[in-house]
Amino acid sequence: MKRLKELREQKQITQAQLSACLKISPSTIGMYEQCRREPDNEILIKLADFFNVSTDYLLDRTDIQNSQQTIAAHKTDDPMNELPEEAVKSIEDFKKYIYQKHGIKYD
């Protein structure tokens, strides 16, 4: 998973920090980055959520990082644009809550 190391370095976190967030060993992160081991589906999803990218992006199956970019590529008129600012803020607050509840850093 060559992109794992790139994403981790972009966030400026160590393998140890990432492993603590995912509750796996730092050596496992190292093995993923060196393509010596593949994450199971649960860890793959956690990695995608942590870095806010798609699993396909992590697996190098696409250059589109996340579903928001995919949606933007297929849909020009987003209903979110019609929501009042207060509603959009509520959605963002809920997203932060869900990330925190699952121990994932939210930027």
C-alpha atoms as a PDB file:
ATOM      1  CA  MET A   1       0.000   0.000   0.000  1.00  0.00           C
ATOM      2  CA  LYS A   2       2.327   2.679  -1.261  1.00  0.00           C
ATOM      3  CA  ARG A   3      -0.293   5.352  -0.708  1.00  0.00           C
ATOM      4  CA  LEU A   4      -0.529   4.623   2.997  1.00  0.00           C
ATOM      5  CA  LYS A   5       2.940   6.013   3.635  1.00  0.00           C
ATOM      6  CA  GLU A   6       2.229   9.059   1.448  1.00  0.00           C
ATOM      7  CA  LEU A   7      -1.005   9.809   3.304  1.00  0.00           C
ATOM      8  CA  ARG A   8       0.611   9.277   6.702  1.00  0.00           C
ATOM      9  CA  GLU A   9       3.483  11.616   5.843  1.00  0.00           C
ATOM     10  CA  GLN A  10       1.070  14.246   4.500  1.00  0.00           C
ATOM     11  CA  LYS A  11      -0.679  14.215   7.897  1.00  0.00           C
ATOM     12  CA  GLN A  12       2.743  14.357   9.549  1.00  0.00           C
ATOM     13  CA  ILE A  13       2.126  11.425  11.851  1.00  0.00           C
ATOM     14  CA  THR A  14       4.384   8.538  12.741  1.00  0.00           C
ATOM     15  CA  GLN A  15       3.663   4.869  12.261  1.00  0.00           C
ATOM     16  CA  ALA A  16       3.333   4.626  16.047  1.00  0.00           C
ATOM     17  CA  GLN A  17       0.740   7.412  16.161  1.00  0.00           C
ATOM     18  CA  LEU A  18      -1.288   5.843  13.368  1.00  0.00           C
ATOM     19  CA  SER A  19      -1.074   2.405  14.938  1.00  0.00           C
ATOM     20  CA  ALA A  20      -2.338   3.801  18.262  1.00  0.00           C
ATOM     21  CA  CYS A  21      -5.380   5.308  16.512  1.00  0.00           C
ATOM     22  CA  LEU A  22      -6.132   2.008  14.796  1.00  0.00           C
ATOM     23  CA  LYS A  23      -5.237  -0.137  17.819  1.00  0.00           C
ATOM     24  CA  ILE A  24      -2.703  -2.236  15.902  1.00  0.00           C
ATOM     25  CA  SER A  25       1.067  -2.544  16.243  1.00  0.00           C
ATOM     26  CA  PRO A  26       3.471  -0.058  14.623  1.00  0.00           C
ATOM     27  CA  SER A  27       5.248  -2.956  12.903  1.00  0.00           C
ATOM     28  CA  THR A  28       1.958  -3.867  11.195  1.00  0.00           C
ATOM     29  CA  ILE A  29       1.765  -0.349   9.744  1.00  0.00           C
ATOM     30  CA  GLY A  30       5.351  -0.766   8.556  1.00  0.00           C
ATOM     31  CA  MET A  31       4.511  -4.059   6.872  1.00  0.00           C
ATOM     32  CA  TYR A  32       1.502  -2.465   5.130  1.00  0.00           C
ATOM     33  CA  GLU A  33       3.703   0.371   3.857  1.00  0.00           C
ATOM     34  CA  GLN A  34       6.342  -2.071   2.603  1.00  0.00           C
ATOM     35  CA  CYS A  35       3.675  -4.226   0.895  1.00  0.00           C
ATOM     36  CA  ARG A  36       4.736  -7.179   3.033  1.00  0.00           C
ATOM     37  CA  ARG A  37       1.232  -7.524   4.447  1.00  0.00           C
ATOM     38  CA  GLU A  38      -2.282  -6.474   3.406  1.00  0.00           C
ATOM     39  CA  PRO A  39      -4.825  -5.078   5.870  1.00  0.00           C
ATOM     40  CA  ASP A  40      -8.060  -6.958   6.386  1.00  0.00           C
ATOM     41  CA  ASN A  41     -11.298  -5.241   5.390  1.00  0.00           C
ATOM     42  CA  GLU A  42     -11.924  -3.794   8.857  1.00  0.00           C
ATOM     43  CA  ILE A  43      -8.511  -2.114   9.002  1.00  0.00           C
ATOM     44  CA  LEU A  44      -8.756  -1.006   5.378  1.00  0.00           C
ATOM     45  CA  ILE A  45     -12.025   0.785   6.167  1.00  0.00           C
ATOM     46  CA  LYS A  46     -10.520   2.362   9.297  1.00  0.00           C
ATOM     47  CA  LEU A  47      -7.570   3.611   7.251  1.00  0.00           C
ATOM     48  CA  ALA A  48      -9.871   5.051   4.595  1.00  0.00           C
ATOM     49  CA  ASP A  49     -11.973   6.787   7.263  1.00  0.00           C
ATOM     50  CA  PHE A  50      -8.904   8.087   9.077  1.00  0.00           C
ATOM     51  CA  PHE A  51      -7.416   9.632   5.945  1.00  0.00           C
ATOM     52  CA  ASN A  52     -10.795  10.574   4.430  1.00  0.00           C
ATOM     53  CA  VAL A  53     -10.082   8.655   1.247  1.00  0.00           C
ATOM     54  CA  SER A  54     -11.787   5.767  -0.504  1.00  0.00           C
ATOM     55  CA  THR A  55     -10.614   2.202  -0.079  1.00  0.00           C
ATOM     56  CA  ASP A  56     -10.098   2.141  -3.849  1.00  0.00           C
ATOM     57  CA  TYR A  57      -7.685   5.069  -3.508  1.00  0.00           C
ATOM     58  CA  LEU A  58      -5.752   3.263  -0.767  1.00  0.00           C
ATOM     59  CA  LEU A  59      -5.567   0.155  -2.939  1.00  0.00           C
ATOM     60  CA  ASP A  60      -4.337   2.258  -5.887  1.00  0.00           C
ATOM     61  CA  ARG A  61      -7.408   1.404  -7.972  1.00  0.00           C
ATOM     62  CA  THR A  62      -8.284   5.063  -8.593  1.00  0.00           C
ATOM     63  CA  ASP A  63      -6.721   8.497  -8.372  1.00  0.00           C
ATOM     64  CA  ILE A  64      -9.904   9.963  -6.900  1.00  0.00           C
ATOM     65  CA  GLN A  65      -9.225  10.264  -3.187  1.00  0.00           C
ATOM     66  CA  ASN A  66     -12.708  10.253  -1.727  1.00  0.00           C
ATOM     67  CA  SER A  67     -16.377   9.833  -2.431  1.00  0.00           C
ATOM     68  CA  GLN A  68     -16.969  13.587  -2.343  1.00  0.00           C
ATOM     69  CA  GLN A  69     -14.723  13.922  -5.380  1.00  0.00           C
ATOM     70  CA  THR A  70     -16.548  11.037  -7.035  1.00  0.00           C
ATOM     71  CA  ILE A  71     -19.911  12.666  -6.389  1.00  0.00           C
ATOM     72  CA  ALA A  72     -18.604  15.984  -7.671  1.00  0.00           C
ATOM     73  CA  ALA A  73     -17.449  14.286 -10.840  1.00  0.00           C
ATOM     74  CA  HIS A  74     -20.933  12.895 -11.452  1.00  0.00           C
ATOM     75  CA  LYS A  75     -23.202  15.574 -10.035  1.00  0.00           C
ATOM     76  CA  THR A  76     -22.923  19.310 -10.401  1.00  0.00           C
ATOM     77  CA  ASP A  77     -25.901  20.524  -8.360  1.00  0.00           C
ATOM     78  CA  ASP A  78     -25.331  19.413  -4.781  1.00  0.00           C
ATOM     79  CA  PRO A  79     -28.447  19.644  -2.559  1.00  0.00           C
ATOM     80  CA  MET A  80     -26.120  20.716   0.278  1.00  0.00           C
ATOM     81  CA  ASN A  81     -25.842  24.047  -1.532  1.00  0.00           C
ATOM     82  CA  GLU A  82     -29.540  24.594  -0.903  1.00  0.00           C
ATOM     83  CA  LEU A  83     -29.316  24.034   2.841  1.00  0.00           C
ATOM     84  CA  PRO A  84     -29.089  26.989   5.192  1.00  0.00           C
ATOM     85  CA  GLU A  85     -25.678  27.573   6.740  1.00  0.00           C
ATOM     86  CA  GLU A  86     -26.969  26.414  10.128  1.00  0.00           C
ATOM     87  CA  ALA A  87     -27.975  23.018   8.685  1.00  0.00           C
ATOM     88  CA  VAL A  88     -24.575  22.548   7.034  1.00  0.00           C
ATOM     89  CA  LYS A  89     -22.896  23.362  10.373  1.00  0.00           C
ATOM     90  CA  SER A  90     -25.100  20.781  12.111  1.00  0.00           C
ATOM     91  CA  ILE A  91     -24.021  18.145   9.593  1.00  0.00           C
ATOM     92  CA  GLU A  92     -20.346  19.010  10.126  1.00  0.00           C
ATOM     93  CA  ASP A  93     -20.811  18.897  13.926  1.00  0.00           C
ATOM     94  CA  PHE A  94     -22.405  15.460  13.627  1.00  0.00           C
ATOM     95  CA  LYS A  95     -19.531  14.228  11.467  1.00  0.00           C
ATOM     96  CA  LYS A  96     -17.043  15.418  14.113  1.00  0.00           C
ATOM     97  CA  TYR A  97     -19.048  13.618  16.800  1.00  0.00           C
ATOM     98  CA  ILE A  98     -19.030  10.329  14.852  1.00  0.00           C
ATOM     99  CA  TYR A  99     -15.292  10.551  14.188  1.00  0.00           C
ATOM    100  CA  GLN A 100     -14.559  11.281  17.853  1.00  0.00           C
ATOM    101  CA  LYS A 101     -16.876   8.494  18.992  1.00  0.00           C
ATOM    102  CA  HIS A 102     -14.839   6.042  16.935  1.00  0.00           C
ATOM    103  CA  GLY A 103     -11.477   7.474  17.991  1.00  0.00           C
ATOM    104  CA  ILE A 104     -10.628   8.943  14.607  1.00  0.00           C
ATOM    105  CA  LYS A 105      -8.969  12.332  14.308  1.00  0.00           C
ATOM    106  CA  TYR A 106     -11.142  14.792  12.390  1.00  0.00           C
ATOM    107  CA  ASP A 107      -9.548  17.786  10.641  1.00  0.00           C
END
